[in-house]
C-alpha atoms as a PDB file:
ATOM      1  CA  UNK A   1      73.412  36.817   9.609  1.00  0.00           C
ATOM      2  CA  UNK A   2      74.547  38.200  12.847  1.00  0.00           C
ATOM      3  CA  UNK A   3      78.256  38.468  13.107  1.00  0.00           C
ATOM      4  CA  UNK A   4      81.136  39.726  15.456  1.00  0.00           C
ATOM      5  CA  UNK A   5      82.945  42.841  14.026  1.00  0.00           C
ATOM      6  CA  UNK A   6      86.315  42.209  14.983  1.00  0.00           C
ATOM      7  CA  UNK A   7      87.830  45.737  13.804  1.00  0.00           C
ATOM      8  CA  UNK A   8      85.889  47.528  16.494  1.00  0.00           C
ATOM      9  CA  UNK A   9      87.601  46.936  20.052  1.00  0.00           C
ATOM     10  CA  UNK A  10      85.448  45.174  22.607  1.00  0.00           C
ATOM     11  CA  UNK A  11      83.936  47.332  25.344  1.00  0.00           C
ATOM     12  CA  UNK A  12      83.555  45.857  28.779  1.00  0.00           C
ATOM     13  CA  UNK A  13      80.370  46.858  30.747  1.00  0.00           C
ATOM     14  CA  UNK A  14      79.595  46.575  34.357  1.00  0.00           C
ATOM     15  CA  UNK A  15      76.768  43.851  35.563  1.00  0.00           C
ATOM     16  CA  UNK A  16      75.060  43.751  38.610  1.00  0.00           C
ATOM     17  CA  UNK A  17      73.957  40.180  39.802  1.00  0.00           C
ATOM     18  CA  UNK A  18      70.720  39.835  41.405  1.00  0.00           C
ATOM     19  CA  UNK A  19      69.563  36.430  43.220  1.00  0.00           C
ATOM     20  CA  UNK A  20      66.018  36.466  44.193  1.00  0.00           C
ATOM     21  CA  UNK A  21      65.219  33.733  46.884  1.00  0.00           C
ATOM     22  CA  UNK A  22      64.176  32.712  50.288  1.00  0.00           C
ATOM     23  CA  UNK A  23      66.516  30.074  50.609  1.00  0.00           C
ATOM     24  CA  UNK A  24      69.568  30.606  48.985  1.00  0.00           C
ATOM     25  CA  UNK A  25      73.049  32.160  49.995  1.00  0.00           C
ATOM     26  CA  UNK A  26      76.034  33.139  48.523  1.00  0.00           C
ATOM     27  CA  UNK A  27      78.059  29.446  49.178  1.00  0.00           C
ATOM     28  CA  UNK A  28      74.928  27.592  47.463  1.00  0.00           C
ATOM     29  CA  UNK A  29      73.624  30.325  44.816  1.00  0.00           C
ATOM     30  CA  UNK A  30      74.407  28.245  41.649  1.00  0.00           C
ATOM     31  CA  UNK A  31      72.674  29.995  39.044  1.00  0.00           C
ATOM     32  CA  UNK A  32      74.140  33.324  40.727  1.00  0.00           C
ATOM     33  CA  UNK A  33      77.645  32.156  40.168  1.00  0.00           C
ATOM     34  CA  UNK A  34      76.914  30.594  37.275  1.00  0.00           C
ATOM     35  CA  UNK A  35      75.974  34.179  35.878  1.00  0.00           C
ATOM     36  CA  UNK A  36      79.034  35.397  37.346  1.00  0.00           C
ATOM     37  CA  UNK A  37      81.325  32.947  35.419  1.00  0.00           C
ATOM     38  CA  UNK A  38      79.932  33.863  32.460  1.00  0.00           C
ATOM     39  CA  UNK A  39      80.205  37.492  32.747  1.00  0.00           C
ATOM     40  CA  UNK A  40      83.713  37.391  33.450  1.00  0.00           C
ATOM     41  CA  UNK A  41      84.346  34.499  30.908  1.00  0.00           C
ATOM     42  CA  UNK A  42      83.186  36.953  28.499  1.00  0.00           C
ATOM     43  CA  UNK A  43      85.237  39.979  29.281  1.00  0.00           C
ATOM     44  CA  UNK A  44      82.760  42.244  31.516  1.00  0.00           C
ATOM     45  CA  UNK A  45      82.863  43.326  34.868  1.00  0.00           C
ATOM     46  CA  UNK A  46      80.748  42.016  38.017  1.00  0.00           C
ATOM     47  CA  UNK A  47      79.925  45.749  39.786  1.00  0.00           C
ATOM     48  CA  UNK A  48      78.362  43.627  42.732  1.00  0.00           C
ATOM     49  CA  UNK A  49      76.030  41.094  43.614  1.00  0.00           C
ATOM     50  CA  UNK A  50      73.360  40.580  46.090  1.00  0.00           C
ATOM     51  CA  UNK A  51      71.144  37.909  47.063  1.00  0.00           C
ATOM     52  CA  UNK A  52      67.339  39.305  48.150  1.00  0.00           C
ATOM     53  CA  UNK A  53      63.964  37.668  49.377  1.00  0.00           C
ATOM     54  CA  UNK A  54      61.183  36.924  46.872  1.00  0.00           C
ATOM     55  CA  UNK A  55      59.671  40.192  48.270  1.00  0.00           C
ATOM     56  CA  UNK A  56      58.372  42.960  45.593  1.00  0.00           C
ATOM     57  CA  UNK A  57      59.815  46.266  47.864  1.00  0.00           C
ATOM     58  CA  UNK A  58      63.129  44.500  48.629  1.00  0.00           C
ATOM     59  CA  UNK A  59      63.590  43.829  45.058  1.00  0.00           C
ATOM     60  CA  UNK A  60      62.145  47.013  43.515  1.00  0.00           C
ATOM     61  CA  UNK A  61      64.443  49.017  45.963  1.00  0.00           C
ATOM     62  CA  UNK A  62      67.493  46.812  45.211  1.00  0.00           C
ATOM     63  CA  UNK A  63      66.885  47.862  41.335  1.00  0.00           C
ATOM     64  CA  UNK A  64      66.330  51.194  42.110  1.00  0.00           C
ATOM     65  CA  UNK A  65      69.938  51.297  43.822  1.00  0.00           C
ATOM     66  CA  UNK A  66      71.712  49.765  40.972  1.00  0.00           C
ATOM     67  CA  UNK A  67      69.780  51.901  38.232  1.00  0.00           C
ATOM     68  CA  UNK A  68      71.126  54.824  40.554  1.00  0.00           C
ATOM     69  CA  UNK A  69      74.612  53.858  41.030  1.00  0.00           C
ATOM     70  CA  UNK A  70      76.756  55.184  37.654  1.00  0.00           C
ATOM     71  CA  UNK A  71      79.044  52.074  38.231  1.00  0.00           C
ATOM     72  CA  UNK A  72      76.295  49.715  37.173  1.00  0.00           C
ATOM     73  CA  UNK A  73      75.194  49.306  33.573  1.00  0.00           C
ATOM     74  CA  UNK A  74      73.457  46.439  33.279  1.00  0.00           C
ATOM     75  CA  UNK A  75      71.542  44.061  36.311  1.00  0.00           C
ATOM     76  CA  UNK A  76      70.839  40.448  35.582  1.00  0.00           C
ATOM     77  CA  UNK A  77      68.354  38.781  38.004  1.00  0.00           C
ATOM     78  CA  UNK A  78      67.975  35.188  38.549  1.00  0.00           C
ATOM     79  CA  UNK A  79      64.833  33.375  40.221  1.00  0.00           C
ATOM     80  CA  UNK A  80      61.407  34.642  41.205  1.00  0.00           C
ATOM     81  CA  UNK A  81      60.056  34.431  37.460  1.00  0.00           C
ATOM     82  CA  UNK A  82      57.595  31.629  37.922  1.00  0.00           C
ATOM     83  CA  UNK A  83      53.834  31.744  38.556  1.00  0.00           C
ATOM     84  CA  UNK A  84      53.697  30.835  42.650  1.00  0.00           C
ATOM     85  CA  UNK A  85      52.494  33.014  45.078  1.00  0.00           C
ATOM     86  CA  UNK A  86      56.287  33.767  45.750  1.00  0.00           C
ATOM     87  CA  UNK A  87      57.264  34.682  42.579  1.00  0.00           C
ATOM     88  CA  UNK A  88      57.162  38.379  42.206  1.00  0.00           C
ATOM     89  CA  UNK A  89      60.204  39.136  40.377  1.00  0.00           C
ATOM     90  CA  UNK A  90      58.626  40.474  36.796  1.00  0.00           C
ATOM     91  CA  UNK A  91      55.974  42.723  38.723  1.00  0.00           C
ATOM     92  CA  UNK A  92      58.871  44.584  40.279  1.00  0.00           C
ATOM     93  CA  UNK A  93      61.061  44.963  37.478  1.00  0.00           C
ATOM     94  CA  UNK A  94      57.980  46.244  35.671  1.00  0.00           C
ATOM     95  CA  UNK A  95      57.290  48.688  38.615  1.00  0.00           C
ATOM     96  CA  UNK A  96      60.823  50.537  37.466  1.00  0.00           C
ATOM     97  CA  UNK A  97      61.094  50.189  33.709  1.00  0.00           C
ATOM     98  CA  UNK A  98      60.672  53.091  31.523  1.00  0.00           C
ATOM     99  CA  UNK A  99      60.665  50.760  28.602  1.00  0.00           C
ATOM    100  CA  UNK A 100      60.288  47.368  28.609  1.00  0.00           C
ATOM    101  CA  UNK A 101      62.207  45.147  25.999  1.00  0.00           C
ATOM    102  CA  UNK A 102      59.215  42.755  25.166  1.00  0.00           C
ATOM    103  CA  UNK A 103      61.349  40.957  22.487  1.00  0.00           C
ATOM    104  CA  UNK A 104      63.909  39.369  25.282  1.00  0.00           C
ATOM    105  CA  UNK A 105      61.491  37.507  26.932  1.00  0.00           C
ATOM    106  CA  UNK A 106      59.666  36.387  23.819  1.00  0.00           C
ATOM    107  CA  UNK A 107      63.080  35.209  22.456  1.00  0.00           C
ATOM    108  CA  UNK A 108      63.924  33.803  25.629  1.00  0.00           C
ATOM    109  CA  UNK A 109      60.863  31.502  25.587  1.00  0.00           C
ATOM    110  CA  UNK A 110      61.463  30.694  21.878  1.00  0.00           C
ATOM    111  CA  UNK A 111      64.836  29.295  22.596  1.00  0.00           C
ATOM    112  CA  UNK A 112      63.417  27.623  26.040  1.00  0.00           C
ATOM    113  CA  UNK A 113      60.683  25.972  24.204  1.00  0.00           C
ATOM    114  CA  UNK A 114      63.343  24.236  21.965  1.00  0.00           C
ATOM    115  CA  UNK A 115      64.742  22.478  25.295  1.00  0.00           C
ATOM    116  CA  UNK A 116      62.112  21.996  27.978  1.00  0.00           C
ATOM    117  CA  UNK A 117      58.808  22.363  25.413  1.00  0.00           C
ATOM    118  CA  UNK A 118      55.636  23.485  26.334  1.00  0.00           C
ATOM    119  CA  UNK A 119      56.929  24.125  29.925  1.00  0.00           C
ATOM    120  CA  UNK A 120      58.731  27.144  28.576  1.00  0.00           C
ATOM    121  CA  UNK A 121      55.129  29.151  29.724  1.00  0.00           C
ATOM    122  CA  UNK A 122      55.871  29.170  32.951  1.00  0.00           C
ATOM    123  CA  UNK A 123      58.918  31.406  32.542  1.00  0.00           C
ATOM    124  CA  UNK A 124      58.090  35.084  33.205  1.00  0.00           C
ATOM    125  CA  UNK A 125      61.499  36.119  31.909  1.00  0.00           C
ATOM    126  CA  UNK A 126      61.411  40.161  31.237  1.00  0.00           C
ATOM    127  CA  UNK A 127      63.782  42.702  30.121  1.00  0.00           C
ATOM    128  CA  UNK A 128      63.683  46.625  30.308  1.00  0.00           C
ATOM    129  CA  UNK A 129      65.542  49.744  30.907  1.00  0.00           C
ATOM    130  CA  UNK A 130      65.433  52.418  33.229  1.00  0.00           C
ATOM    131  CA  UNK A 131      67.798  54.927  34.052  1.00  0.00           C
ATOM    132  CA  UNK A 132      70.100  54.282  31.376  1.00  0.00           C
ATOM    133  CA  UNK A 133      70.634  50.786  33.069  1.00  0.00           C
ATOM    134  CA  UNK A 134      69.639  47.813  31.271  1.00  0.00           C
ATOM    135  CA  UNK A 135      67.337  45.150  33.436  1.00  0.00           C
ATOM    136  CA  UNK A 136      67.056  41.360  32.649  1.00  0.00           C
ATOM    137  CA  UNK A 137      65.183  39.075  34.548  1.00  0.00           C
ATOM    138  CA  UNK A 138      66.025  35.146  34.038  1.00  0.00           C
ATOM    139  CA  UNK A 139      64.567  31.999  35.944  1.00  0.00           C
ATOM    140  CA  UNK A 140      66.485  30.654  38.696  1.00  0.00           C
ATOM    141  CA  UNK A 141      67.848  27.553  37.229  1.00  0.00           C
ATOM    142  CA  UNK A 142      71.635  27.411  36.291  1.00  0.00           C
ATOM    143  CA  UNK A 143      70.549  26.385  32.703  1.00  0.00           C
ATOM    144  CA  UNK A 144      68.093  28.973  32.504  1.00  0.00           C
ATOM    145  CA  UNK A 145      70.798  31.365  33.314  1.00  0.00           C
ATOM    146  CA  UNK A 146      73.213  29.889  31.005  1.00  0.00           C
ATOM    147  CA  UNK A 147      70.559  29.807  27.964  1.00  0.00           C
ATOM    148  CA  UNK A 148      69.933  33.597  28.854  1.00  0.00           C
ATOM    149  CA  UNK A 149      73.056  34.588  28.821  1.00  0.00           C
ATOM    150  CA  UNK A 150      74.876  32.172  26.175  1.00  0.00           C
ATOM    151  CA  UNK A 151      72.017  32.748  23.654  1.00  0.00           C
ATOM    152  CA  UNK A 152      70.816  36.161  23.858  1.00  0.00           C
ATOM    153  CA  UNK A 153      72.469  38.454  26.722  1.00  0.00           C
ATOM    154  CA  UNK A 154      76.013  38.499  25.929  1.00  0.00           C
ATOM    155  CA  UNK A 155      75.652  38.969  22.138  1.00  0.00           C
ATOM    156  CA  UNK A 156      73.877  42.316  22.742  1.00  0.00           C
ATOM    157  CA  UNK A 157      75.988  43.486  25.392  1.00  0.00           C
ATOM    158  CA  UNK A 158      78.993  42.707  22.984  1.00  0.00           C
ATOM    159  CA  UNK A 159      79.612  46.174  21.215  1.00  0.00           C
ATOM    160  CA  UNK A 160      80.955  44.255  18.402  1.00  0.00           C
ATOM    161  CA  UNK A 161      77.741  42.391  17.619  1.00  0.00           C
ATOM    162  CA  UNK A 162      76.135  43.208  14.165  1.00  0.00           C
ATOM    163  CA  UNK A 163      74.067  44.502  12.648  1.00  0.00           C
ATOM    164  CA  UNK A 164      73.376  46.055  16.180  1.00  0.00           C
ATOM    165  CA  UNK A 165      73.497  45.630  19.803  1.00  0.00           C
ATOM    166  CA  UNK A 166      72.451  47.274  23.304  1.00  0.00           C
ATOM    167  CA  UNK A 167      75.712  48.796  23.919  1.00  0.00           C
ATOM    168  CA  UNK A 168      75.875  51.087  21.193  1.00  0.00           C
ATOM    169  CA  UNK A 169      72.553  52.426  22.708  1.00  0.00           C
ATOM    170  CA  UNK A 170      73.811  53.198  25.791  1.00  0.00           C
ATOM    171  CA  UNK A 171      74.767  56.828  25.195  1.00  0.00           C
ATOM    172  CA  UNK A 172      71.141  57.367  24.064  1.00  0.00           C
ATOM    173  CA  UNK A 173      69.165  55.676  26.802  1.00  0.00           C
ATOM    174  CA  UNK A 174      68.619  58.871  28.922  1.00  0.00           C
ATOM    175  CA  UNK A 175      68.572  61.528  25.719  1.00  0.00           C
ATOM    176  CA  UNK A 176      64.712  62.020  26.747  1.00  0.00           C
ATOM    177  CA  UNK A 177      65.781  64.017  29.931  1.00  0.00           C
ATOM    178  CA  UNK A 178      67.775  66.295  27.936  1.00  0.00           C
ATOM    179  CA  UNK A 179      67.060  70.201  27.447  1.00  0.00           C
END
């Protein structure tokens, strides 16, 4: 069973929060603020925050900028993961992935099914890695952000989580680029 190894020191990671929306501003971005509150509550650092429109090129450009930024370890987005015509976040994420972490979306929908039933099929939550940066795309509701963070992401971003976690893999994410 998963556990926290208290003999290991906690290592905070730097997380960028991206809200994808045509209508939200920082003043009314409840999902983005919810992520920021949880990230800081759990001891991590918010490296930066941005709101971009539901535009694939704009999302890709922001992701690439953060992937290239050594002060950003993780990007978590909220919004644009549904099935309507303007929902293009998963397509943008897939454009930059070096590797998809398919288990994240599968687990997110499994956990979501327990709360919203078959409506979970409308979520295209996704995750992957690019340039040594972990990328997570969550749906645009505060409850989906809480579910994604509290039930999955916070555990994988805690280096004390056993039997394994994503933080301990960070030094090896770019080993394919070495000599």
